Amino acid sequence: MSNQVSNEARVIPLRPAPEDKEPLWRDLVGEVLRRERRAQERTLKDVADAARISLPYLSEIERGRKEASSEVLAAAAHALGLGLGDLLSLTYGELSRRTSTHRRPAAAPHRPSHGLCLAA
């Protein structure tokens, strides 16, 4: 009998694959802010100064590392010439676009049973 040990590592995923989970709101907000800033060809420093928030904090928001308050999001949006509603609408649009292909099937409608039901 041989006691050979395989040299291959066995990987057990702890989280679902990224394509299987819904994106986080903070990631989407950050991506929208970054996309809008870049479309305007503005620097992080320029927008951070206009929004009166720190450059490192704005960077972390754009990267989805921080969950910003509504006041901070409104300031960043206004610095980009957007209203808070515009930012939220753009972010919701991104969420809808990404999750429309990953929607779960709707639950079957509840149909009343008129027959005999047995339970153990």
PDB file of N, CA and C in Angstrom:
ATOM      1  N   MET A   1       0.837  -1.159   0.000  1.00  0.00           N
ATOM      2  CA  MET A   1       0.000   0.000   0.000  1.00  0.00           C
ATOM      3  C   MET A   1       0.891   1.234   0.000  1.00  0.00           C
ATOM      4  N   SER A   2       0.618   2.183  -0.878  1.00  0.00           N
ATOM      5  CA  SER A   2       1.456   3.364  -1.024  1.00  0.00           C
ATOM      6  C   SER A   2       0.819   4.546  -0.307  1.00  0.00           C
ATOM      7  N   ASN A   3       1.671   5.343   0.346  1.00  0.00           N
ATOM      8  CA  ASN A   3       1.215   6.550   1.030  1.00  0.00           C
ATOM      9  C   ASN A   3       1.621   7.786   0.250  1.00  0.00           C
ATOM     10  N   GLN A   4       1.416   7.777  -1.051  1.00  0.00           N
ATOM     11  CA  GLN A   4       1.786   8.929  -1.874  1.00  0.00           C
ATOM     12  C   GLN A   4       0.834  10.081  -1.616  1.00  0.00           C
ATOM     13  N   VAL A   5       1.398  11.269  -1.480  1.00  0.00           N
ATOM     14  CA  VAL A   5       0.606  12.477  -1.284  1.00  0.00           C
ATOM     15  C   VAL A   5       0.648  13.262  -2.581  1.00  0.00           C
ATOM     16  N   SER A   6      -0.504  13.710  -3.039  1.00  0.00           N
ATOM     17  CA  SER A   6      -0.575  14.490  -4.273  1.00  0.00           C
ATOM     18  C   SER A   6       0.050  15.862  -4.060  1.00  0.00           C
ATOM     19  N   ASN A   7       0.789  16.328  -5.067  1.00  0.00           N
ATOM     20  CA  ASN A   7       1.391  17.653  -5.009  1.00  0.00           C
ATOM     21  C   ASN A   7       0.438  18.740  -5.501  1.00  0.00           C
ATOM     22  N   GLU A   8      -0.737  18.341  -5.943  1.00  0.00           N
ATOM     23  CA  GLU A   8      -1.700  19.313  -6.441  1.00  0.00           C
ATOM     24  C   GLU A   8      -2.498  19.897  -5.282  1.00  0.00           C
ATOM     25  N   ALA A   9      -2.660  21.198  -5.301  1.00  0.00           N
ATOM     26  CA  ALA A   9      -3.455  21.864  -4.277  1.00  0.00           C
ATOM     27  C   ALA A   9      -4.925  21.762  -4.630  1.00  0.00           C
ATOM     28  N   ARG A  10      -5.710  21.585  -3.639  1.00  0.00           N
ATOM     29  CA  ARG A  10      -7.147  21.553  -3.848  1.00  0.00           C
ATOM     30  C   ARG A  10      -7.713  22.891  -3.400  1.00  0.00           C
ATOM     31  N   VAL A  11      -8.354  23.599  -4.308  1.00  0.00           N
ATOM     32  CA  VAL A  11      -8.900  24.919  -4.010  1.00  0.00           C
ATOM     33  C   VAL A  11     -10.375  24.793  -3.702  1.00  0.00           C
ATOM     34  N   ILE A  12     -10.749  25.308  -2.556  1.00  0.00           N
ATOM     35  CA  ILE A  12     -12.152  25.312  -2.163  1.00  0.00           C
ATOM     36  C   ILE A  12     -12.583  26.776  -2.090  1.00  0.00           C
ATOM     37  N   PRO A  13     -13.436  27.216  -3.022  1.00  0.00           N
ATOM     38  CA  PRO A  13     -13.842  28.622  -3.014  1.00  0.00           C
ATOM     39  C   PRO A  13     -14.667  28.951  -1.777  1.00  0.00           C
ATOM     40  N   LEU A  14     -14.334  30.077  -1.126  1.00  0.00           N
ATOM     41  CA  LEU A  14     -15.067  30.513   0.050  1.00  0.00           C
ATOM     42  C   LEU A  14     -16.225  31.429  -0.307  1.00  0.00           C
ATOM     43  N   ARG A  15     -16.141  32.054  -1.460  1.00  0.00           N
ATOM     44  CA  ARG A  15     -17.179  32.968  -1.919  1.00  0.00           C
ATOM     45  C   ARG A  15     -17.588  32.577  -3.325  1.00  0.00           C
ATOM     46  N   PRO A  16     -18.780  32.951  -3.730  1.00  0.00           N
ATOM     47  CA  PRO A  16     -19.182  32.651  -5.105  1.00  0.00           C
ATOM     48  C   PRO A  16     -18.303  33.410  -6.092  1.00  0.00           C
ATOM     49  N   ALA A  17     -18.198  32.890  -7.287  1.00  0.00           N
ATOM     50  CA  ALA A  17     -17.424  33.572  -8.320  1.00  0.00           C
ATOM     51  C   ALA A  17     -18.013  34.960  -8.548  1.00  0.00           C
ATOM     52  N   PRO A  18     -17.172  35.969  -8.881  1.00  0.00           N
ATOM     53  CA  PRO A  18     -17.659  37.342  -9.034  1.00  0.00           C
ATOM     54  C   PRO A  18     -18.841  37.488  -9.985  1.00  0.00           C
ATOM     55  N   GLU A  19     -18.888  36.694 -11.037  1.00  0.00           N
ATOM     56  CA  GLU A  19     -19.994  36.837 -11.976  1.00  0.00           C
ATOM     57  C   GLU A  19     -21.301  36.292 -11.414  1.00  0.00           C
ATOM     58  N   ASP A  20     -21.227  35.542 -10.313  1.00  0.00           N
ATOM     59  CA  ASP A  20     -22.422  34.950  -9.734  1.00  0.00           C
ATOM     60  C   ASP A  20     -23.084  35.833  -8.683  1.00  0.00           C
ATOM     61  N   LYS A  21     -22.418  36.868  -8.240  1.00  0.00           N
ATOM     62  CA  LYS A  21     -23.012  37.694  -7.195  1.00  0.00           C
ATOM     63  C   LYS A  21     -23.355  39.078  -7.726  1.00  0.00           C
ATOM     64  N   GLU A  22     -24.311  39.690  -7.097  1.00  0.00           N
ATOM     65  CA  GLU A  22     -24.695  41.041  -7.484  1.00  0.00           C
ATOM     66  C   GLU A  22     -23.610  42.013  -7.044  1.00  0.00           C
ATOM     67  N   PRO A  23     -23.395  43.050  -7.842  1.00  0.00           N
ATOM     68  CA  PRO A  23     -22.370  44.030  -7.466  1.00  0.00           C
ATOM     69  C   PRO A  23     -22.814  44.841  -6.258  1.00  0.00           C
ATOM     70  N   LEU A  24     -21.857  45.323  -5.506  1.00  0.00           N
ATOM     71  CA  LEU A  24     -22.151  46.175  -4.367  1.00  0.00           C
ATOM     72  C   LEU A  24     -22.464  47.591  -4.847  1.00  0.00           C
ATOM     73  N   TRP A  25     -23.367  48.252  -4.156  1.00  0.00           N
ATOM     74  CA  TRP A  25     -23.756  49.623  -4.516  1.00  0.00           C
ATOM     75  C   TRP A  25     -22.543  50.544  -4.489  1.00  0.00           C
ATOM     76  N   ARG A  26     -21.677  50.394  -3.466  1.00  0.00           N
ATOM     77  CA  ARG A  26     -20.510  51.284  -3.356  1.00  0.00           C
ATOM     78  C   ARG A  26     -19.564  51.112  -4.536  1.00  0.00           C
ATOM     79  N   ASP A  27     -19.447  49.898  -5.064  1.00  0.00           N
ATOM     80  CA  ASP A  27     -18.609  49.677  -6.249  1.00  0.00           C
ATOM     81  C   ASP A  27     -19.186  50.394  -7.462  1.00  0.00           C
ATOM     82  N   LEU A  28     -20.497  50.288  -7.622  1.00  0.00           N
ATOM     83  CA  LEU A  28     -21.152  50.911  -8.768  1.00  0.00           C
ATOM     84  C   LEU A  28     -21.090  52.433  -8.694  1.00  0.00           C
ATOM     85  N   VAL A  29     -21.345  52.996  -7.503  1.00  0.00           N
ATOM     86  CA  VAL A  29     -21.267  54.453  -7.324  1.00  0.00           C
ATOM     87  C   VAL A  29     -19.864  54.935  -7.663  1.00  0.00           C
ATOM     88  N   GLY A  30     -18.873  54.225  -7.170  1.00  0.00           N
ATOM     89  CA  GLY A  30     -17.485  54.602  -7.447  1.00  0.00           C
ATOM     90  C   GLY A  30     -17.158  54.563  -8.929  1.00  0.00           C
ATOM     91  N   GLU A  31     -17.634  53.515  -9.603  1.00  0.00           N
ATOM     92  CA  GLU A  31     -17.374  53.405 -11.041  1.00  0.00           C
ATOM     93  C   GLU A  31     -18.046  54.534 -11.816  1.00  0.00           C
ATOM     94  N   VAL A  32     -19.260  54.897 -11.415  1.00  0.00           N
ATOM     95  CA  VAL A  32     -19.966  55.989 -12.088  1.00  0.00           C
ATOM     96  C   VAL A  32     -19.239  57.308 -11.851  1.00  0.00           C
ATOM     97  N   LEU A  33     -18.832  57.564 -10.614  1.00  0.00           N
ATOM     98  CA  LEU A  33     -18.091  58.801 -10.325  1.00  0.00           C
ATOM     99  C   LEU A  33     -16.807  58.873 -11.147  1.00  0.00           C
ATOM    100  N   ARG A  34     -16.073  57.775 -11.172  1.00  0.00           N
ATOM    101  CA  ARG A  34     -14.816  57.755 -11.932  1.00  0.00           C
ATOM    102  C   ARG A  34     -15.065  57.955 -13.425  1.00  0.00           C
ATOM    103  N   ARG A  35     -16.074  57.285 -13.959  1.00  0.00           N
ATOM    104  CA  ARG A  35     -16.386  57.418 -15.375  1.00  0.00           C
ATOM    105  C   ARG A  35     -16.767  58.857 -15.721  1.00  0.00           C
ATOM    106  N   GLU A  36     -17.584  59.479 -14.878  1.00  0.00           N
ATOM    107  CA  GLU A  36     -17.987  60.872 -15.118  1.00  0.00           C
ATOM    108  C   GLU A  36     -16.788  61.816 -15.013  1.00  0.00           C
ATOM    109  N   ARG A  37     -15.937  61.593 -14.031  1.00  0.00           N
ATOM    110  CA  ARG A  37     -14.744  62.443 -13.852  1.00  0.00           C
ATOM    111  C   ARG A  37     -13.824  62.327 -15.061  1.00  0.00           C
ATOM    112  N   ARG A  38     -13.592  61.109 -15.494  1.00  0.00           N
ATOM    113  CA  ARG A  38     -12.701  60.900 -16.646  1.00  0.00           C
ATOM    114  C   ARG A  38     -13.308  61.448 -17.937  1.00  0.00           C
ATOM    115  N   ALA A  39     -14.626  61.344 -18.076  1.00  0.00           N
ATOM    116  CA  ALA A  39     -15.290  61.882 -19.266  1.00  0.00           C
ATOM    117  C   ALA A  39     -15.102  63.399 -19.345  1.00  0.00           C
ATOM    118  N   GLN A  40     -14.990  64.035 -18.190  1.00  0.00           N
ATOM    119  CA  GLN A  40     -14.760  65.479 -18.130  1.00  0.00           C
ATOM    120  C   GLN A  40     -13.271  65.825 -18.148  1.00  0.00           C
ATOM    121  N   GLU A  41     -12.437  64.782 -18.240  1.00  0.00           N
ATOM    122  CA  GLU A  41     -10.978  64.944 -18.254  1.00  0.00           C
ATOM    123  C   GLU A  41     -10.489  65.748 -17.055  1.00  0.00           C
ATOM    124  N   ARG A  42     -11.012  65.389 -15.875  1.00  0.00           N
ATOM    125  CA  ARG A  42     -10.635  66.074 -14.644  1.00  0.00           C
ATOM    126  C   ARG A  42      -9.837  65.134 -13.764  1.00  0.00           C
ATOM    127  N   THR A  43      -9.001  65.705 -12.931  1.00  0.00           N
ATOM    128  CA  THR A  43      -8.179  64.912 -12.030  1.00  0.00           C
ATOM    129  C   THR A  43      -8.927  64.669 -10.723  1.00  0.00           C
ATOM    130  N   LEU A  44      -8.467  63.661 -10.000  1.00  0.00           N
ATOM    131  CA  LEU A  44      -9.007  63.403  -8.668  1.00  0.00           C
ATOM    132  C   LEU A  44      -8.868  64.643  -7.792  1.00  0.00           C
ATOM    133  N   LYS A  45      -7.715  65.296  -7.860  1.00  0.00           N
ATOM    134  CA  LYS A  45      -7.453  66.476  -7.037  1.00  0.00           C
ATOM    135  C   LYS A  45      -8.446  67.582  -7.348  1.00  0.00           C
ATOM    136  N   ASP A  46      -8.685  67.813  -8.625  1.00  0.00           N
ATOM    137  CA  ASP A  46      -9.614  68.860  -9.035  1.00  0.00           C
ATOM    138  C   ASP A  46     -11.009  68.609  -8.464  1.00  0.00           C
ATOM    139  N   VAL A  47     -11.508  67.394  -8.606  1.00  0.00           N
ATOM    140  CA  VAL A  47     -12.848  67.076  -8.139  1.00  0.00           C
ATOM    141  C   VAL A  47     -12.892  67.057  -6.609  1.00  0.00           C
ATOM    142  N   ALA A  48     -11.884  66.510  -5.974  1.00  0.00           N
ATOM    143  CA  ALA A  48     -11.836  66.487  -4.510  1.00  0.00           C
ATOM    144  C   ALA A  48     -11.839  67.904  -3.952  1.00  0.00           C
ATOM    145  N   ASP A  49     -11.046  68.790  -4.552  1.00  0.00           N
ATOM    146  CA  ASP A  49     -11.020  70.182  -4.103  1.00  0.00           C
ATOM    147  C   ASP A  49     -12.378  70.845  -4.289  1.00  0.00           C
ATOM    148  N   ALA A  50     -12.999  70.634  -5.441  1.00  0.00           N
ATOM    149  CA  ALA A  50     -14.305  71.235  -5.716  1.00  0.00           C
ATOM    150  C   ALA A  50     -15.376  70.691  -4.771  1.00  0.00           C
ATOM    151  N   ALA A  51     -15.263  69.420  -4.396  1.00  0.00           N
ATOM    152  CA  ALA A  51     -16.233  68.785  -3.504  1.00  0.00           C
ATOM    153  C   ALA A  51     -15.912  69.040  -2.037  1.00  0.00           C
ATOM    154  N   ARG A  52     -14.727  69.551  -1.774  1.00  0.00           N
ATOM    155  CA  ARG A  52     -14.247  69.805  -0.409  1.00  0.00           C
ATOM    156  C   ARG A  52     -14.164  68.515   0.407  1.00  0.00           C
ATOM    157  N   ILE A  53     -13.650  67.459  -0.265  1.00  0.00           N
ATOM    158  CA  ILE A  53     -13.349  66.205   0.415  1.00  0.00           C
ATOM    159  C   ILE A  53     -11.903  65.850   0.099  1.00  0.00           C
ATOM    160  N   SER A  54     -11.307  65.018   0.910  1.00  0.00           N
ATOM    161  CA  SER A  54      -9.895  64.709   0.694  1.00  0.00           C
ATOM    162  C   SER A  54      -9.701  63.862  -0.554  1.00  0.00           C
ATOM    163  N   LEU A  55      -8.578  64.061  -1.203  1.00  0.00           N
ATOM    164  CA  LEU A  55      -8.243  63.295  -2.405  1.00  0.00           C
ATOM    165  C   LEU A  55      -8.178  61.797  -2.107  1.00  0.00           C
ATOM    166  N   PRO A  56      -7.505  61.370  -1.014  1.00  0.00           N
ATOM    167  CA  PRO A  56      -7.474  59.923  -0.740  1.00  0.00           C
ATOM    168  C   PRO A  56      -8.871  59.334  -0.505  1.00  0.00           C
ATOM    169  N   TYR A  57      -9.750  60.112   0.127  1.00  0.00           N
ATOM    170  CA  TYR A  57     -11.106  59.611   0.382  1.00  0.00           C
ATOM    171  C   TYR A  57     -11.884  59.472  -0.920  1.00  0.00           C
ATOM    172  N   LEU A  58     -11.791  60.461  -1.801  1.00  0.00           N
ATOM    173  CA  LEU A  58     -12.460  60.358  -3.092  1.00  0.00           C
ATOM    174  C   LEU A  58     -11.927  59.171  -3.882  1.00  0.00           C
ATOM    175  N   SER A  59     -10.630  58.963  -3.823  1.00  0.00           N
ATOM    176  CA  SER A  59     -10.029  57.817  -4.510  1.00  0.00           C
ATOM    177  C   SER A  59     -10.604  56.503  -3.977  1.00  0.00           C
ATOM    178  N   GLU A  60     -10.746  56.401  -2.672  1.00  0.00           N
ATOM    179  CA  GLU A  60     -11.285  55.174  -2.085  1.00  0.00           C
ATOM    180  C   GLU A  60     -12.758  54.984  -2.438  1.00  0.00           C
ATOM    181  N   ILE A  61     -13.495  56.088  -2.548  1.00  0.00           N
ATOM    182  CA  ILE A  61     -14.895  55.993  -2.974  1.00  0.00           C
ATOM    183  C   ILE A  61     -14.954  55.469  -4.403  1.00  0.00           C
ATOM    184  N   GLU A  62     -14.133  56.033  -5.278  1.00  0.00           N
ATOM    185  CA  GLU A  62     -14.116  55.599  -6.680  1.00  0.00           C
ATOM    186  C   GLU A  62     -13.739  54.134  -6.825  1.00  0.00           C
ATOM    187  N   ARG A  63     -12.903  53.642  -5.941  1.00  0.00           N
ATOM    188  CA  ARG A  63     -12.480  52.237  -6.007  1.00  0.00           C
ATOM    189  C   ARG A  63     -13.421  51.306  -5.266  1.00  0.00           C
ATOM    190  N   GLY A  64     -14.494  51.859  -4.683  1.00  0.00           N
ATOM    191  CA  GLY A  64     -15.463  51.034  -3.969  1.00  0.00           C
ATOM    192  C   GLY A  64     -14.980  50.553  -2.626  1.00  0.00           C
ATOM    193  N   ARG A  65     -13.981  51.220  -2.073  1.00  0.00           N
ATOM    194  CA  ARG A  65     -13.429  50.811  -0.773  1.00  0.00           C
ATOM    195  C   ARG A  65     -14.147  51.462   0.398  1.00  0.00           C
ATOM    196  N   LYS A  66     -14.839  52.571   0.140  1.00  0.00           N
ATOM    197  CA  LYS A  66     -15.546  53.293   1.200  1.00  0.00           C
ATOM    198  C   LYS A  66     -17.015  53.444   0.855  1.00  0.00           C
ATOM    199  N   GLU A  67     -17.830  53.335   1.859  1.00  0.00           N
ATOM    200  CA  GLU A  67     -19.275  53.535   1.748  1.00  0.00           C
ATOM    201  C   GLU A  67     -19.527  54.982   2.149  1.00  0.00           C
ATOM    202  N   ALA A  68     -19.653  55.864   1.171  1.00  0.00           N
ATOM    203  CA  ALA A  68     -19.761  57.294   1.434  1.00  0.00           C
ATOM    204  C   ALA A  68     -21.163  57.682   1.888  1.00  0.00           C
ATOM    205  N   SER A  69     -21.224  58.723   2.706  1.00  0.00           N
ATOM    206  CA  SER A  69     -22.515  59.250   3.149  1.00  0.00           C
ATOM    207  C   SER A  69     -23.198  59.967   1.987  1.00  0.00           C
ATOM    208  N   SER A  70     -24.484  60.227   2.153  1.00  0.00           N
ATOM    209  CA  SER A  70     -25.221  60.940   1.112  1.00  0.00           C
ATOM    210  C   SER A  70     -24.682  62.359   0.938  1.00  0.00           C
ATOM    211  N   GLU A  71     -24.200  62.982   2.007  1.00  0.00           N
ATOM    212  CA  GLU A  71     -23.619  64.326   1.898  1.00  0.00           C
ATOM    213  C   GLU A  71     -22.361  64.316   1.046  1.00  0.00           C
ATOM    214  N   VAL A  72     -21.518  63.321   1.261  1.00  0.00           N
ATOM    215  CA  VAL A  72     -20.271  63.227   0.485  1.00  0.00           C
ATOM    216  C   VAL A  72     -20.585  62.902  -0.969  1.00  0.00           C
ATOM    217  N   LEU A  73     -21.526  61.994  -1.197  1.00  0.00           N
ATOM    218  CA  LEU A  73     -21.897  61.663  -2.572  1.00  0.00           C
ATOM    219  C   LEU A  73     -22.492  62.868  -3.284  1.00  0.00           C
ATOM    220  N   ALA A  74     -23.312  63.635  -2.571  1.00  0.00           N
ATOM    221  CA  ALA A  74     -23.893  64.839  -3.172  1.00  0.00           C
ATOM    222  C   ALA A  74     -22.800  65.844  -3.509  1.00  0.00           C
ATOM    223  N   ALA A  75     -21.824  66.009  -2.631  1.00  0.00           N
ATOM    224  CA  ALA A  75     -20.724  66.949  -2.884  1.00  0.00           C
ATOM    225  C   ALA A  75     -19.914  66.511  -4.098  1.00  0.00           C
ATOM    226  N   ALA A  76     -19.615  65.232  -4.192  1.00  0.00           N
ATOM    227  CA  ALA A  76     -18.844  64.719  -5.335  1.00  0.00           C
ATOM    228  C   ALA A  76     -19.650  64.874  -6.620  1.00  0.00           C
ATOM    229  N   ALA A  77     -20.936  64.562  -6.558  1.00  0.00           N
ATOM    230  CA  ALA A  77     -21.791  64.707  -7.740  1.00  0.00           C
ATOM    231  C   ALA A  77     -21.846  66.170  -8.182  1.00  0.00           C
ATOM    232  N   HIS A  78     -22.071  67.081  -7.243  1.00  0.00           N
ATOM    233  CA  HIS A  78     -22.149  68.507  -7.578  1.00  0.00           C
ATOM    234  C   HIS A  78     -20.830  69.012  -8.159  1.00  0.00           C
ATOM    235  N   ALA A  79     -19.716  68.500  -7.649  1.00  0.00           N
ATOM    236  CA  ALA A  79     -18.410  68.892  -8.191  1.00  0.00           C
ATOM    237  C   ALA A  79     -18.273  68.474  -9.648  1.00  0.00           C
ATOM    238  N   LEU A  80     -19.020  67.447 -10.039  1.00  0.00           N
ATOM    239  CA  LEU A  80     -19.003  66.966 -11.428  1.00  0.00           C
ATOM    240  C   LEU A  80     -20.152  67.550 -12.254  1.00  0.00           C
ATOM    241  N   GLY A  81     -20.897  68.462 -11.647  1.00  0.00           N
ATOM    242  CA  GLY A  81     -22.008  69.071 -12.369  1.00  0.00           C
ATOM    243  C   GLY A  81     -23.257  68.212 -12.397  1.00  0.00           C
ATOM    244  N   LEU A  82     -23.348  67.262 -11.490  1.00  0.00           N
ATOM    245  CA  LEU A  82     -24.501  66.366 -11.400  1.00  0.00           C
ATOM    246  C   LEU A  82     -25.243  66.636 -10.103  1.00  0.00           C
ATOM    247  N   GLY A  83     -26.514  66.337 -10.086  1.00  0.00           N
ATOM    248  CA  GLY A  83     -27.252  66.323  -8.839  1.00  0.00           C
ATOM    249  C   GLY A  83     -27.124  64.949  -8.201  1.00  0.00           C
ATOM    250  N   LEU A  84     -27.489  64.852  -6.939  1.00  0.00           N
ATOM    251  CA  LEU A  84     -27.440  63.554  -6.269  1.00  0.00           C
ATOM    252  C   LEU A  84     -28.376  62.570  -6.971  1.00  0.00           C
ATOM    253  N   GLY A  85     -29.536  63.055  -7.397  1.00  0.00           N
ATOM    254  CA  GLY A  85     -30.472  62.193  -8.127  1.00  0.00           C
ATOM    255  C   GLY A  85     -29.882  61.677  -9.421  1.00  0.00           C
ATOM    256  N   ASP A  86     -29.106  62.525 -10.111  1.00  0.00           N
ATOM    257  CA  ASP A  86     -28.445  62.094 -11.349  1.00  0.00           C
ATOM    258  C   ASP A  86     -27.463  60.960 -11.067  1.00  0.00           C
ATOM    259  N   LEU A  87     -26.662  61.139 -10.007  1.00  0.00           N
ATOM    260  CA  LEU A  87     -25.683  60.111  -9.640  1.00  0.00           C
ATOM    261  C   LEU A  87     -26.387  58.807  -9.303  1.00  0.00           C
ATOM    262  N   LEU A  88     -27.451  58.895  -8.511  1.00  0.00           N
ATOM    263  CA  LEU A  88     -28.167  57.687  -8.124  1.00  0.00           C
ATOM    264  C   LEU A  88     -28.841  57.034  -9.321  1.00  0.00           C
ATOM    265  N   SER A  89     -29.369  57.837 -10.219  1.00  0.00           N
ATOM    266  CA  SER A  89     -30.012  57.306 -11.421  1.00  0.00           C
ATOM    267  C   SER A  89     -28.994  56.599 -12.319  1.00  0.00           C
ATOM    268  N   LEU A  90     -27.842  57.209 -12.517  1.00  0.00           N
ATOM    269  CA  LEU A  90     -26.793  56.577 -13.324  1.00  0.00           C
ATOM    270  C   LEU A  90     -26.324  55.272 -12.681  1.00  0.00           C
ATOM    271  N   THR A  91     -26.212  55.293 -11.356  1.00  0.00           N
ATOM    272  CA  THR A  91     -25.770  54.098 -10.638  1.00  0.00           C
ATOM    273  C   THR A  91     -26.823  53.003 -10.726  1.00  0.00           C
ATOM    274  N   TYR A  92     -28.083  53.371 -10.585  1.00  0.00           N
ATOM    275  CA  TYR A  92     -29.152  52.381 -10.713  1.00  0.00           C
ATOM    276  C   TYR A  92     -29.168  51.794 -12.122  1.00  0.00           C
ATOM    277  N   GLY A  93     -28.944  52.637 -13.125  1.00  0.00           N
ATOM    278  CA  GLY A  93     -28.887  52.146 -14.500  1.00  0.00           C
ATOM    279  C   GLY A  93     -27.788  51.113 -14.683  1.00  0.00           C
ATOM    280  N   GLU A  94     -26.642  51.385 -14.065  1.00  0.00           N
ATOM    281  CA  GLU A  94     -25.523  50.434 -14.132  1.00  0.00           C
ATOM    282  C   GLU A  94     -25.884  49.135 -13.423  1.00  0.00           C
ATOM    283  N   LEU A  95     -26.530  49.247 -12.277  1.00  0.00           N
ATOM    284  CA  LEU A  95     -26.954  48.056 -11.538  1.00  0.00           C
ATOM    285  C   LEU A  95     -27.948  47.242 -12.365  1.00  0.00           C
ATOM    286  N   SER A  96     -28.908  47.915 -12.972  1.00  0.00           N
ATOM    287  CA  SER A  96     -29.905  47.228 -13.802  1.00  0.00           C
ATOM    288  C   SER A  96     -29.249  46.530 -14.988  1.00  0.00           C
ATOM    289  N   ARG A  97     -28.305  47.217 -15.619  1.00  0.00           N
ATOM    290  CA  ARG A  97     -27.624  46.641 -16.777  1.00  0.00           C
ATOM    291  C   ARG A  97     -26.866  45.380 -16.380  1.00  0.00           C
ATOM    292  N   ARG A  98     -26.191  45.421 -15.253  1.00  0.00           N
ATOM    293  CA  ARG A  98     -25.376  44.271 -14.839  1.00  0.00           C
ATOM    294  C   ARG A  98     -26.184  43.109 -14.307  1.00  0.00           C
ATOM    295  N   THR A  99     -27.307  43.403 -13.689  1.00  0.00           N
ATOM    296  CA  THR A  99     -28.066  42.316 -13.067  1.00  0.00           C
ATOM    297  C   THR A  99     -29.169  41.773 -13.965  1.00  0.00           C
ATOM    298  N   SER A 100     -29.453  42.427 -15.078  1.00  0.00           N
ATOM    299  CA  SER A 100     -30.528  41.943 -15.947  1.00  0.00           C
ATOM    300  C   SER A 100     -30.211  40.582 -16.537  1.00  0.00           C
ATOM    301  N   THR A 101     -28.933  40.272 -16.723  1.00  0.00           N
ATOM    302  CA  THR A 101     -28.564  38.969 -17.274  1.00  0.00           C
ATOM    303  C   THR A 101     -28.430  37.908 -16.192  1.00  0.00           C
ATOM    304  N   HIS A 102     -28.431  38.326 -14.922  1.00  0.00           N
ATOM    305  CA  HIS A 102     -28.263  37.387 -13.820  1.00  0.00           C
ATOM    306  C   HIS A 102     -29.508  37.295 -12.949  1.00  0.00           C
ATOM    307  N   ARG A 103     -30.644  37.683 -13.486  1.00  0.00           N
ATOM    308  CA  ARG A 103     -31.863  37.662 -12.677  1.00  0.00           C
ATOM    309  C   ARG A 103     -32.231  36.234 -12.331  1.00  0.00           C
ATOM    310  N   ARG A 104     -32.706  36.101 -11.124  1.00  0.00           N
ATOM    311  CA  ARG A 104     -33.184  34.796 -10.686  1.00  0.00           C
ATOM    312  C   ARG A 104     -34.561  34.558 -11.289  1.00  0.00           C
ATOM    313  N   PRO A 105     -34.879  33.324 -11.591  1.00  0.00           N
ATOM    314  CA  PRO A 105     -36.216  33.057 -12.114  1.00  0.00           C
ATOM    315  C   PRO A 105     -37.262  33.418 -11.064  1.00  0.00           C
ATOM    316  N   ALA A 106     -38.362  33.937 -11.523  1.00  0.00           N
ATOM    317  CA  ALA A 106     -39.441  34.311 -10.610  1.00  0.00           C
ATOM    318  C   ALA A 106     -40.012  33.057  -9.962  1.00  0.00           C
ATOM    319  N   ALA A 107     -40.444  33.215  -8.735  1.00  0.00           N
ATOM    320  CA  ALA A 107     -41.041  32.083  -8.032  1.00  0.00           C
ATOM    321  C   ALA A 107     -42.357  31.716  -8.701  1.00  0.00           C
ATOM    322  N   ALA A 108     -42.653  30.449  -8.679  1.00  0.00           N
ATOM    323  CA  ALA A 108     -43.912  29.992  -9.262  1.00  0.00           C
ATOM    324  C   ALA A 108     -45.053  30.601  -8.468  1.00  0.00           C
ATOM    325  N   PRO A 109     -46.089  31.054  -9.156  1.00  0.00           N
ATOM    326  CA  PRO A 109     -47.219  31.651  -8.431  1.00  0.00           C
ATOM    327  C   PRO A 109     -47.880  30.610  -7.535  1.00  0.00           C
ATOM    328  N   HIS A 110     -48.381  31.063  -6.410  1.00  0.00           N
ATOM    329  CA  HIS A 110     -49.045  30.163  -5.471  1.00  0.00           C
ATOM    330  C   HIS A 110     -50.416  29.804  -6.032  1.00  0.00           C
ATOM    331  N   ARG A 111     -50.658  28.514  -6.145  1.00  0.00           N
ATOM    332  CA  ARG A 111     -51.955  28.042  -6.625  1.00  0.00           C
ATOM    333  C   ARG A 111     -52.633  27.283  -5.490  1.00  0.00           C
ATOM    334  N   PRO A 112     -53.812  27.677  -5.130  1.00  0.00           N
ATOM    335  CA  PRO A 112     -54.487  26.950  -4.056  1.00  0.00           C
ATOM    336  C   PRO A 112     -54.751  25.513  -4.477  1.00  0.00           C
ATOM    337  N   SER A 113     -54.587  24.636  -3.529  1.00  0.00           N
ATOM    338  CA  SER A 113     -54.823  23.219  -3.799  1.00  0.00           C
ATOM    339  C   SER A 113     -56.237  22.862  -3.363  1.00  0.00           C
ATOM    340  N   HIS A 114     -56.917  22.175  -4.230  1.00  0.00           N
ATOM    341  CA  HIS A 114     -58.282  21.743  -3.890  1.00  0.00           C
ATOM    342  C   HIS A 114     -58.306  20.236  -3.663  1.00  0.00           C
ATOM    343  N   GLY A 115     -57.157  19.654  -3.547  1.00  0.00           N
ATOM    344  CA  GLY A 115     -57.105  18.206  -3.365  1.00  0.00           C
ATOM    345  C   GLY A 115     -56.749  17.848  -1.940  1.00  0.00           C
ATOM    346  N   LEU A 116     -56.500  16.582  -1.757  1.00  0.00           N
ATOM    347  CA  LEU A 116     -56.142  16.054  -0.465  1.00  0.00           C
ATOM    348  C   LEU A 116     -54.668  16.299  -0.205  1.00  0.00           C
ATOM    349  N   CYS A 117     -54.346  16.708   0.993  1.00  0.00           N
ATOM    350  CA  CYS A 117     -52.961  16.965   1.356  1.00  0.00           C
ATOM    351  C   CYS A 117     -52.616  16.091   2.536  1.00  0.00           C
ATOM    352  N   LEU A 118     -51.576  15.270   2.413  1.00  0.00           N
ATOM    353  CA  LEU A 118     -51.145  14.407   3.490  1.00  0.00           C
ATOM    354  C   LEU A 118     -49.837  14.901   4.074  1.00  0.00           C
ATOM    355  N   ALA A 119     -49.719  14.890   5.357  1.00  0.00           N
ATOM    356  CA  ALA A 119     -48.486  15.295   6.022  1.00  0.00           C
ATOM    357  C   ALA A 119     -48.094  14.221   7.001  1.00  0.00           C
ATOM    358  N   ALA A 120     -46.809  14.013   7.121  1.00  0.00           N
ATOM    359  CA  ALA A 120     -46.358  12.972   8.075  1.00  0.00           C
ATOM    360  C   ALA A 120     -45.848  13.613   9.325  1.00  0.00           C
TER     361      ALA A 120
END
